[in-house]
Structure formats: structure tokens, C-alpha cells
PDB file of all heavy atoms in Angstrom:
ATOM      1  N   LEU A   1      91.973  63.663  96.302  1.00  0.00           N
ATOM      2  CA  LEU A   1      91.821  65.109  96.201  1.00  0.00           C
ATOM      3  C   LEU A   1      90.796  65.504  95.151  1.00  0.00           C
ATOM      4  O   LEU A   1      90.646  64.834  94.117  1.00  0.00           O
ATOM      5  CB  LEU A   1      93.168  65.756  95.902  1.00  0.00           C
ATOM      6  CG  LEU A   1      94.090  65.863  97.126  1.00  0.00           C
ATOM      7  CD1 LEU A   1      95.535  66.063  96.702  1.00  0.00           C
ATOM      8  CD2 LEU A   1      93.634  66.984  98.033  1.00  0.00           C
ATOM      9  N   LYS A   2      90.107  66.587  95.444  1.00  0.00           N
ATOM     10  CA  LYS A   2      89.060  67.107  94.562  1.00  0.00           C
ATOM     11  C   LYS A   2      89.423  68.535  94.162  1.00  0.00           C
ATOM     12  O   LYS A   2      90.144  69.227  94.896  1.00  0.00           O
ATOM     13  CB  LYS A   2      87.725  67.128  95.309  1.00  0.00           C
ATOM     14  CG  LYS A   2      87.296  65.789  95.876  1.00  0.00           C
ATOM     15  CD  LYS A   2      86.019  65.934  96.690  1.00  0.00           C
ATOM     16  CE  LYS A   2      85.594  64.611  97.299  1.00  0.00           C
ATOM     17  NZ  LYS A   2      84.351  64.762  98.106  1.00  0.00           N
ATOM     18  N   PRO A   3      88.902  69.009  93.045  1.00  0.00           N
ATOM     19  CA  PRO A   3      89.178  70.406  92.651  1.00  0.00           C
ATOM     20  C   PRO A   3      88.812  71.406  93.742  1.00  0.00           C
ATOM     21  O   PRO A   3      89.491  72.429  93.890  1.00  0.00           O
ATOM     22  CB  PRO A   3      88.319  70.581  91.406  1.00  0.00           C
ATOM     23  CG  PRO A   3      88.251  69.211  90.809  1.00  0.00           C
ATOM     24  CD  PRO A   3      88.171  68.280  91.991  1.00  0.00           C
ATOM     25  N   GLU A   4      87.778  71.112  94.505  1.00  0.00           N
ATOM     26  CA  GLU A   4      87.367  72.040  95.571  1.00  0.00           C
ATOM     27  C   GLU A   4      88.336  72.058  96.752  1.00  0.00           C
ATOM     28  O   GLU A   4      88.178  72.874  97.669  1.00  0.00           O
ATOM     29  CB  GLU A   4      85.952  71.718  96.057  1.00  0.00           C
ATOM     30  CG  GLU A   4      85.725  70.280  96.428  1.00  0.00           C
ATOM     31  CD  GLU A   4      85.078  69.477  95.296  1.00  0.00           C
ATOM     32  OE1 GLU A   4      85.520  69.632  94.132  1.00  0.00           O
ATOM     33  OE2 GLU A   4      84.157  68.685  95.598  1.00  0.00           O
ATOM     34  N   ASP A   5      89.334  71.192  96.750  1.00  0.00           N
ATOM     35  CA  ASP A   5      90.381  71.243  97.771  1.00  0.00           C
ATOM     36  C   ASP A   5      91.465  72.266  97.422  1.00  0.00           C
ATOM     37  O   ASP A   5      92.369  72.512  98.229  1.00  0.00           O
ATOM     38  CB  ASP A   5      91.046  69.870  97.936  1.00  0.00           C
ATOM     39  CG  ASP A   5      90.098  68.823  98.493  1.00  0.00           C
ATOM     40  OD1 ASP A   5      89.319  69.144  99.411  1.00  0.00           O
ATOM     41  OD2 ASP A   5      90.139  67.676  97.998  1.00  0.00           O
ATOM     42  N   THR A   6      91.377  72.842  96.241  1.00  0.00           N
ATOM     43  CA  THR A   6      92.348  73.848  95.820  1.00  0.00           C
ATOM     44  C   THR A   6      92.317  75.051  96.753  1.00  0.00           C
ATOM     45  O   THR A   6      91.267  75.642  96.993  1.00  0.00           O
ATOM     46  CB  THR A   6      92.068  74.299  94.380  1.00  0.00           C
ATOM     47  OG1 THR A   6      92.264  73.194  93.496  1.00  0.00           O
ATOM     48  CG2 THR A   6      92.986  75.445  93.975  1.00  0.00           C
ATOM     49  N   ALA A   7      93.477  75.379  97.319  1.00  0.00           N
ATOM     50  CA  ALA A   7      93.565  76.468  98.293  1.00  0.00           C
ATOM     51  C   ALA A   7      95.020  76.627  98.715  1.00  0.00           C
ATOM     52  O   ALA A   7      95.869  75.781  98.410  1.00  0.00           O
ATOM     53  CB  ALA A   7      92.706  76.174  99.521  1.00  0.00           C
ATOM     54  N   VAL A   8      95.277  77.692  99.458  1.00  0.00           N
ATOM     55  CA  VAL A   8      96.529  77.815 100.187  1.00  0.00           C
ATOM     56  C   VAL A   8      96.309  77.159 101.548  1.00  0.00           C
ATOM     57  O   VAL A   8      95.338  77.476 102.232  1.00  0.00           O
ATOM     58  CB  VAL A   8      96.954  79.279 100.355  1.00  0.00           C
ATOM     59  CG1 VAL A   8      98.236  79.371 101.178  1.00  0.00           C
ATOM     60  CG2 VAL A   8      97.160  79.931  98.991  1.00  0.00           C
ATOM     61  N   TYR A   9      97.196  76.264 101.900  1.00  0.00           N
ATOM     62  CA  TYR A   9      97.076  75.523 103.156  1.00  0.00           C
ATOM     63  C   TYR A   9      98.070  76.075 104.174  1.00  0.00           C
ATOM     64  O   TYR A   9      99.257  76.258 103.855  1.00  0.00           O
ATOM     65  CB  TYR A   9      97.334  74.040 102.923  1.00  0.00           C
ATOM     66  CG  TYR A   9      96.146  73.347 102.292  1.00  0.00           C
ATOM     67  CD1 TYR A   9      95.805  73.581 100.969  1.00  0.00           C
ATOM     68  CD2 TYR A   9      95.364  72.467 103.028  1.00  0.00           C
ATOM     69  CE1 TYR A   9      94.702  72.970 100.387  1.00  0.00           C
ATOM     70  CE2 TYR A   9      94.259  71.838 102.462  1.00  0.00           C
ATOM     71  CZ  TYR A   9      93.940  72.093 101.150  1.00  0.00           C
ATOM     72  OH  TYR A   9      92.843  71.482 100.582  1.00  0.00           O
ATOM     73  N   TYR A  10      97.557  76.311 105.370  1.00  0.00           N
ATOM     74  CA  TYR A  10      98.357  76.885 106.445  1.00  0.00           C
ATOM     75  C   TYR A  10      98.393  75.927 107.638  1.00  0.00           C
ATOM     76  O   TYR A  10      97.363  75.332 107.980  1.00  0.00           O
ATOM     77  CB  TYR A  10      97.758  78.196 106.932  1.00  0.00           C
ATOM     78  CG  TYR A  10      97.664  79.273 105.888  1.00  0.00           C
ATOM     79  CD1 TYR A  10      96.539  79.382 105.073  1.00  0.00           C
ATOM     80  CD2 TYR A  10      98.686  80.206 105.731  1.00  0.00           C
ATOM     81  CE1 TYR A  10      96.438  80.381 104.113  1.00  0.00           C
ATOM     82  CE2 TYR A  10      98.598  81.207 104.784  1.00  0.00           C
ATOM     83  CZ  TYR A  10      97.473  81.286 103.977  1.00  0.00           C
ATOM     84  OH  TYR A  10      97.386  82.279 103.029  1.00  0.00           O
ATOM     85  N   CYS A  11      99.544  75.821 108.268  1.00  0.00           N
ATOM     86  CA  CYS A  11      99.561  75.169 109.565  1.00  0.00           C
ATOM     87  C   CYS A  11      99.625  76.247 110.641  1.00  0.00           C
ATOM     88  O   CYS A  11     100.064  77.379 110.380  1.00  0.00           O
ATOM     89  CB  CYS A  11     100.707  74.172 109.701  1.00  0.00           C
ATOM     90  SG  CYS A  11     102.344  74.881 109.846  1.00  0.00           S
ATOM     91  N   ALA A  12      99.166  75.890 111.823  1.00  0.00           N
ATOM     92  CA  ALA A  12      99.078  76.847 112.911  1.00  0.00           C
ATOM     93  C   ALA A  12      99.273  76.126 114.237  1.00  0.00           C
ATOM     94  O   ALA A  12      99.002  74.925 114.339  1.00  0.00           O
ATOM     95  CB  ALA A  12      97.732  77.551 112.876  1.00  0.00           C
ATOM     96  N   ALA A  13      99.731  76.876 115.236  1.00  0.00           N
ATOM     97  CA  ALA A  13     100.022  76.303 116.553  1.00  0.00           C
ATOM     98  C   ALA A  13      99.181  76.972 117.633  1.00  0.00           C
ATOM     99  O   ALA A  13      99.123  78.209 117.701  1.00  0.00           O
ATOM    100  CB  ALA A  13     101.511  76.461 116.871  1.00  0.00           C
ATOM    101  N   SER A  14      98.556  76.149 118.451  1.00  0.00           N
ATOM    102  CA  SER A  14      97.718  76.626 119.542  1.00  0.00           C
ATOM    103  C   SER A  14      98.322  76.168 120.866  1.00  0.00           C
ATOM    104  O   SER A  14      98.428  74.958 121.107  1.00  0.00           O
ATOM    105  CB  SER A  14      96.310  76.069 119.398  1.00  0.00           C
ATOM    106  OG  SER A  14      95.504  76.434 120.494  1.00  0.00           O
ATOM    107  N   PRO A  15      98.720  77.107 121.732  1.00  0.00           N
ATOM    108  CA  PRO A  15      99.338  76.711 123.006  1.00  0.00           C
ATOM    109  C   PRO A  15      98.381  75.908 123.868  1.00  0.00           C
ATOM    110  O   PRO A  15      97.224  76.311 124.071  1.00  0.00           O
ATOM    111  CB  PRO A  15      99.678  78.045 123.668  1.00  0.00           C
ATOM    112  CG  PRO A  15      99.653  79.061 122.574  1.00  0.00           C
ATOM    113  CD  PRO A  15      98.634  78.571 121.595  1.00  0.00           C
ATOM    114  N   ASN A  16      98.862  74.794 124.395  1.00  0.00           N
ATOM    115  CA  ASN A  16      98.017  73.971 125.250  1.00  0.00           C
ATOM    116  C   ASN A  16      97.523  74.759 126.459  1.00  0.00           C
ATOM    117  O   ASN A  16      98.291  75.441 127.131  1.00  0.00           O
ATOM    118  CB  ASN A  16      98.801  72.744 125.738  1.00  0.00           C
ATOM    119  CG  ASN A  16      99.116  71.790 124.627  1.00  0.00           C
ATOM    120  OD1 ASN A  16      98.474  71.781 123.585  1.00  0.00           O
ATOM    121  ND2 ASN A  16     100.130  70.962 124.827  1.00  0.00           N
ATOM    122  N   GLY A  17      96.240  74.676 126.713  1.00  0.00           N
ATOM    123  CA  GLY A  17      95.670  75.258 127.910  1.00  0.00           C
ATOM    124  C   GLY A  17      95.284  76.722 127.816  1.00  0.00           C
ATOM    125  O   GLY A  17      94.661  77.251 128.738  1.00  0.00           O
ATOM    126  N   ARG A  18      95.651  77.388 126.745  1.00  0.00           N
ATOM    127  CA  ARG A  18      95.351  78.819 126.656  1.00  0.00           C
ATOM    128  C   ARG A  18      93.917  79.077 126.205  1.00  0.00           C
ATOM    129  O   ARG A  18      93.307  80.076 126.568  1.00  0.00           O
ATOM    130  CB  ARG A  18      96.320  79.511 125.705  1.00  0.00           C
ATOM    131  CG  ARG A  18      96.038  81.010 125.539  1.00  0.00           C
ATOM    132  CD  ARG A  18      97.130  81.682 124.780  1.00  0.00           C
ATOM    133  NE  ARG A  18      98.409  81.636 125.501  1.00  0.00           N
ATOM    134  CZ  ARG A  18      99.552  82.140 125.022  1.00  0.00           C
ATOM    135  NH1 ARG A  18      99.575  82.698 123.835  1.00  0.00           N
ATOM    136  NH2 ARG A  18     100.648  82.080 125.724  1.00  0.00           N
ATOM    137  N   TYR A  19      93.392  78.168 125.403  1.00  0.00           N
ATOM    138  CA  TYR A  19      92.055  78.349 124.841  1.00  0.00           C
ATOM    139  C   TYR A  19      91.173  77.154 125.222  1.00  0.00           C
ATOM    140  O   TYR A  19      91.685  76.095 125.604  1.00  0.00           O
ATOM    141  CB  TYR A  19      92.143  78.485 123.323  1.00  0.00           C
ATOM    142  CG  TYR A  19      92.984  79.662 122.883  1.00  0.00           C
ATOM    143  CD1 TYR A  19      94.291  79.476 122.446  1.00  0.00           C
ATOM    144  CD2 TYR A  19      92.483  80.948 122.923  1.00  0.00           C
ATOM    145  CE1 TYR A  19      95.071  80.549 122.055  1.00  0.00           C
ATOM    146  CE2 TYR A  19      93.252  82.031 122.535  1.00  0.00           C
ATOM    147  CZ  TYR A  19      94.547  81.822 122.106  1.00  0.00           C
ATOM    148  OH  TYR A  19      95.308  82.892 121.713  1.00  0.00           O
ATOM    149  N   PRO A  20      89.866  77.304 125.126  1.00  0.00           N
ATOM    150  CA  PRO A  20      88.986  76.176 125.451  1.00  0.00           C
ATOM    151  C   PRO A  20      89.342  74.941 124.634  1.00  0.00           C
ATOM    152  O   PRO A  20      89.746  75.043 123.475  1.00  0.00           O
ATOM    153  CB  PRO A  20      87.597  76.707 125.088  1.00  0.00           C
ATOM    154  CG  PRO A  20      87.714  78.181 125.211  1.00  0.00           C
ATOM    155  CD  PRO A  20      89.109  78.518 124.790  1.00  0.00           C
ATOM    156  N   THR A  21      89.159  73.781 125.242  1.00  0.00           N
ATOM    157  CA  THR A  21      89.573  72.543 124.592  1.00  0.00           C
ATOM    158  C   THR A  21      88.812  72.264 123.308  1.00  0.00           C
ATOM    159  O   THR A  21      89.292  71.527 122.466  1.00  0.00           O
ATOM    160  CB  THR A  21      89.405  71.357 125.542  1.00  0.00           C
ATOM    161  OG1 THR A  21      88.057  71.329 126.004  1.00  0.00           O
ATOM    162  CG2 THR A  21      90.335  71.479 126.736  1.00  0.00           C
ATOM    163  N   ASN A  22      87.630  72.839 123.147  1.00  0.00           N
ATOM    164  CA  ASN A  22      86.845  72.584 121.940  1.00  0.00           C
ATOM    165  C   ASN A  22      87.011  73.686 120.898  1.00  0.00           C
ATOM    166  O   ASN A  22      86.179  73.834 120.007  1.00  0.00           O
ATOM    167  CB  ASN A  22      85.370  72.417 122.281  1.00  0.00           C
ATOM    168  CG  ASN A  22      84.795  73.668 122.908  1.00  0.00           C
ATOM    169  OD1 ASN A  22      85.523  74.591 123.246  1.00  0.00           O
ATOM    170  ND2 ASN A  22      83.479  73.716 123.059  1.00  0.00           N
ATOM    171  N   SER A  23      88.089  74.460 121.014  1.00  0.00           N
ATOM    172  CA  SER A  23      88.288  75.579 120.094  1.00  0.00           C
ATOM    173  C   SER A  23      89.255  75.255 118.965  1.00  0.00           C
ATOM    174  O   SER A  23      89.692  76.147 118.239  1.00  0.00           O
ATOM    175  CB  SER A  23      88.811  76.804 120.861  1.00  0.00           C
ATOM    176  OG  SER A  23      90.055  76.524 121.460  1.00  0.00           O
ATOM    177  N   TYR A  24      89.574  73.975 118.781  1.00  0.00           N
ATOM    178  CA  TYR A  24      90.589  73.585 117.814  1.00  0.00           C
ATOM    179  C   TYR A  24      90.231  73.993 116.387  1.00  0.00           C
ATOM    180  O   TYR A  24      91.101  74.065 115.526  1.00  0.00           O
ATOM    181  CB  TYR A  24      90.819  72.070 117.865  1.00  0.00           C
ATOM    182  CG  TYR A  24      89.559  71.273 117.652  1.00  0.00           C
ATOM    183  CD1 TYR A  24      89.102  70.991 116.372  1.00  0.00           C
ATOM    184  CD2 TYR A  24      88.815  70.816 118.724  1.00  0.00           C
ATOM    185  CE1 TYR A  24      87.939  70.278 116.168  1.00  0.00           C
ATOM    186  CE2 TYR A  24      87.647  70.098 118.529  1.00  0.00           C
ATOM    187  CZ  TYR A  24      87.215  69.841 117.252  1.00  0.00           C
ATOM    188  OH  TYR A  24      86.065  69.138 117.060  1.00  0.00           O
ATOM    189  N   ALA A  25      88.962  74.215 116.086  1.00  0.00           N
ATOM    190  CA  ALA A  25      88.555  74.584 114.728  1.00  0.00           C
ATOM    191  C   ALA A  25      88.450  76.094 114.528  1.00  0.00           C
ATOM    192  O   ALA A  25      88.066  76.541 113.446  1.00  0.00           O
ATOM    193  CB  ALA A  25      87.217  73.930 114.390  1.00  0.00           C
ATOM    194  N   GLN A  26      88.794  76.845 115.537  1.00  0.00           N
ATOM    195  CA  GLN A  26      88.634  78.297 115.485  1.00  0.00           C
ATOM    196  C   GLN A  26      89.968  78.986 115.252  1.00  0.00           C
ATOM    197  O   GLN A  26      90.957  78.722 115.943  1.00  0.00           O
ATOM    198  CB  GLN A  26      88.029  78.800 116.804  1.00  0.00           C
ATOM    199  CG  GLN A  26      86.747  78.100 117.205  1.00  0.00           C
ATOM    200  CD  GLN A  26      85.677  78.208 116.169  1.00  0.00           C
ATOM    201  OE1 GLN A  26      85.494  79.261 115.549  1.00  0.00           O
ATOM    202  NE2 GLN A  26      84.962  77.123 115.934  1.00  0.00           N
ATOM    203  N   LYS A  27      89.982  79.910 114.294  1.00  0.00           N
ATOM    204  CA  LYS A  27      91.235  80.606 113.980  1.00  0.00           C
ATOM    205  C   LYS A  27      91.789  81.365 115.183  1.00  0.00           C
ATOM    206  O   LYS A  27      93.016  81.445 115.365  1.00  0.00           O
ATOM    207  CB  LYS A  27      91.005  81.568 112.808  1.00  0.00           C
ATOM    208  CG  LYS A  27      90.675  80.878 111.489  1.00  0.00           C
ATOM    209  CD  LYS A  27      90.630  81.851 110.330  1.00  0.00           C
ATOM    210  CE  LYS A  27      89.504  82.828 110.421  1.00  0.00           C
ATOM    211  NZ  LYS A  27      88.189  82.158 110.226  1.00  0.00           N
ATOM    212  N   TYR A  28      90.911  81.904 116.020  1.00  0.00           N
ATOM    213  CA  TYR A  28      91.381  82.727 117.145  1.00  0.00           C
ATOM    214  C   TYR A  28      92.201  81.924 118.142  1.00  0.00           C
ATOM    215  O   TYR A  28      92.961  82.494 118.929  1.00  0.00           O
ATOM    216  CB  TYR A  28      90.194  83.387 117.864  1.00  0.00           C
ATOM    217  CG  TYR A  28      89.406  82.459 118.768  1.00  0.00           C
ATOM    218  CD1 TYR A  28      89.874  82.149 120.047  1.00  0.00           C
ATOM    219  CD2 TYR A  28      88.201  81.912 118.360  1.00  0.00           C
ATOM    220  CE1 TYR A  28      89.158  81.299 120.879  1.00  0.00           C
ATOM    221  CE2 TYR A  28      87.476  81.072 119.189  1.00  0.00           C
ATOM    222  CZ  TYR A  28      87.956  80.754 120.444  1.00  0.00           C
ATOM    223  OH  TYR A  28      87.254  79.916 121.251  1.00  0.00           O
ATOM    224  N   ALA A  29      92.064  80.606 118.136  1.00  0.00           N
ATOM    225  CA  ALA A  29      92.757  79.764 119.112  1.00  0.00           C
ATOM    226  C   ALA A  29      94.200  79.449 118.719  1.00  0.00           C
ATOM    227  O   ALA A  29      94.895  78.731 119.428  1.00  0.00           O
ATOM    228  CB  ALA A  29      91.989  78.461 119.314  1.00  0.00           C
ATOM    229  N   TYR A  30      94.644  79.969 117.601  1.00  0.00           N
ATOM    230  CA  TYR A  30      95.996  79.683 117.122  1.00  0.00           C
ATOM    231  C   TYR A  30      96.820  80.962 117.137  1.00  0.00           C
ATOM    232  O   TYR A  30      96.458  81.961 116.504  1.00  0.00           O
ATOM    233  CB  TYR A  30      95.940  79.084 115.710  1.00  0.00           C
ATOM    234  CG  TYR A  30      95.313  77.702 115.723  1.00  0.00           C
ATOM    235  CD1 TYR A  30      93.934  77.543 115.678  1.00  0.00           C
ATOM    236  CD2 TYR A  30      96.104  76.561 115.800  1.00  0.00           C
ATOM    237  CE1 TYR A  30      93.351  76.285 115.723  1.00  0.00           C
ATOM    238  CE2 TYR A  30      95.544  75.303 115.831  1.00  0.00           C
ATOM    239  CZ  TYR A  30      94.157  75.171 115.793  1.00  0.00           C
ATOM    240  OH  TYR A  30      93.597  73.919 115.831  1.00  0.00           O
ATOM    241  N   ASP A  31      97.936  80.906 117.846  1.00  0.00           N
ATOM    242  CA  ASP A  31      98.772  82.086 118.022  1.00  0.00           C
ATOM    243  C   ASP A  31      99.831  82.229 116.933  1.00  0.00           C
ATOM    244  O   ASP A  31     100.338  83.339 116.721  1.00  0.00           O
ATOM    245  CB  ASP A  31      99.488  82.028 119.378  1.00  0.00           C
ATOM    246  CG  ASP A  31      98.530  82.244 120.541  1.00  0.00           C
ATOM    247  OD1 ASP A  31      97.330  82.464 120.307  1.00  0.00           O
ATOM    248  OD2 ASP A  31      98.994  82.187 121.703  1.00  0.00           O
ATOM    249  N   TYR A  32     100.195  81.139 116.304  1.00  0.00           N
ATOM    250  CA  TYR A  32     101.277  81.164 115.324  1.00  0.00           C
ATOM    251  C   TYR A  32     100.821  80.509 114.030  1.00  0.00           C
ATOM    252  O   TYR A  32     100.140  79.481 114.064  1.00  0.00           O
ATOM    253  CB  TYR A  32     102.514  80.446 115.869  1.00  0.00           C
ATOM    254  CG  TYR A  32     102.977  80.989 117.191  1.00  0.00           C
ATOM    255  CD1 TYR A  32     102.675  80.329 118.377  1.00  0.00           C
ATOM    256  CD2 TYR A  32     103.694  82.179 117.260  1.00  0.00           C
ATOM    257  CE1 TYR A  32     103.075  80.838 119.597  1.00  0.00           C
ATOM    258  CE2 TYR A  32     104.100  82.689 118.480  1.00  0.00           C
ATOM    259  CZ  TYR A  32     103.786  82.018 119.638  1.00  0.00           C
ATOM    260  OH  TYR A  32     104.193  82.527 120.845  1.00  0.00           O
ATOM    261  N   TRP A  33     101.246  81.122 112.922  1.00  0.00           N
ATOM    262  CA  TRP A  33     100.833  80.651 111.600  1.00  0.00           C
ATOM    263  C   TRP A  33     102.038  80.566 110.671  1.00  0.00           C
ATOM    264  O   TRP A  33     102.965  81.384 110.743  1.00  0.00           O
ATOM    265  CB  TRP A  33      99.812  81.616 110.990  1.00  0.00           C
ATOM    266  CG  TRP A  33      98.511  81.632 111.735  1.00  0.00           C
ATOM    267  CD1 TRP A  33      98.221  82.324 112.883  1.00  0.00           C
ATOM    268  CD2 TRP A  33      97.329  80.920 111.388  1.00  0.00           C
ATOM    269  NE1 TRP A  33      96.929  82.081 113.266  1.00  0.00           N
ATOM    270  CE2 TRP A  33      96.349  81.227 112.363  1.00  0.00           C
ATOM    271  CE3 TRP A  33      96.985  80.064 110.343  1.00  0.00           C
ATOM    272  CZ2 TRP A  33      95.067  80.690 112.325  1.00  0.00           C
ATOM    273  CZ3 TRP A  33      95.716  79.536 110.308  1.00  0.00           C
ATOM    274  CH2 TRP A  33      94.768  79.845 111.297  1.00  0.00           C
ATOM    275  N   GLY A  34     101.993  79.590 109.772  1.00  0.00           N
ATOM    276  CA  GLY A  34     102.984  79.524 108.719  1.00  0.00           C
ATOM    277  C   GLY A  34     102.604  80.442 107.563  1.00  0.00           C
ATOM    278  O   GLY A  34     101.561  81.098 107.598  1.00  0.00           O
ATOM    279  N   GLN A  35     103.451  80.448 106.542  1.00  0.00           N
ATOM    280  CA  GLN A  35     103.228  81.344 105.406  1.00  0.00           C
ATOM    281  C   GLN A  35     102.297  80.737 104.364  1.00  0.00           C
ATOM    282  O   GLN A  35     101.828  81.429 103.461  1.00  0.00           O
ATOM    283  CB  GLN A  35     104.568  81.706 104.745  1.00  0.00           C
ATOM    284  CG  GLN A  35     105.115  80.684 103.757  1.00  0.00           C
ATOM    285  CD  GLN A  35     105.591  79.389 104.402  1.00  0.00           C
ATOM    286  OE1 GLN A  35     105.734  79.298 105.617  1.00  0.00           O
ATOM    287  NE2 GLN A  35     105.857  78.388 103.579  1.00  0.00           N
TER     288      GLN A  35
END
């Protein structure tokens, strides 16, 4: 770990098949988020 890794980390869930397969890095492709 590096100091620049300091952040709030969130997990998120993207329903299979709802978004393009290459959208895994895009926030819009995730419907559910943790706190």
C-alpha cells in the first residue's frame, strides 16, 4: 500500500447482462453500492 491509496473504498454490484460487457470500470454500470 502507498499513501496515494488513501480513500474511501466502495464495493458495487452490476447485474449480469444489463450493461455492455466492457463497462466494468464505469460507475454507471453498477446499480448497487455499499456505504
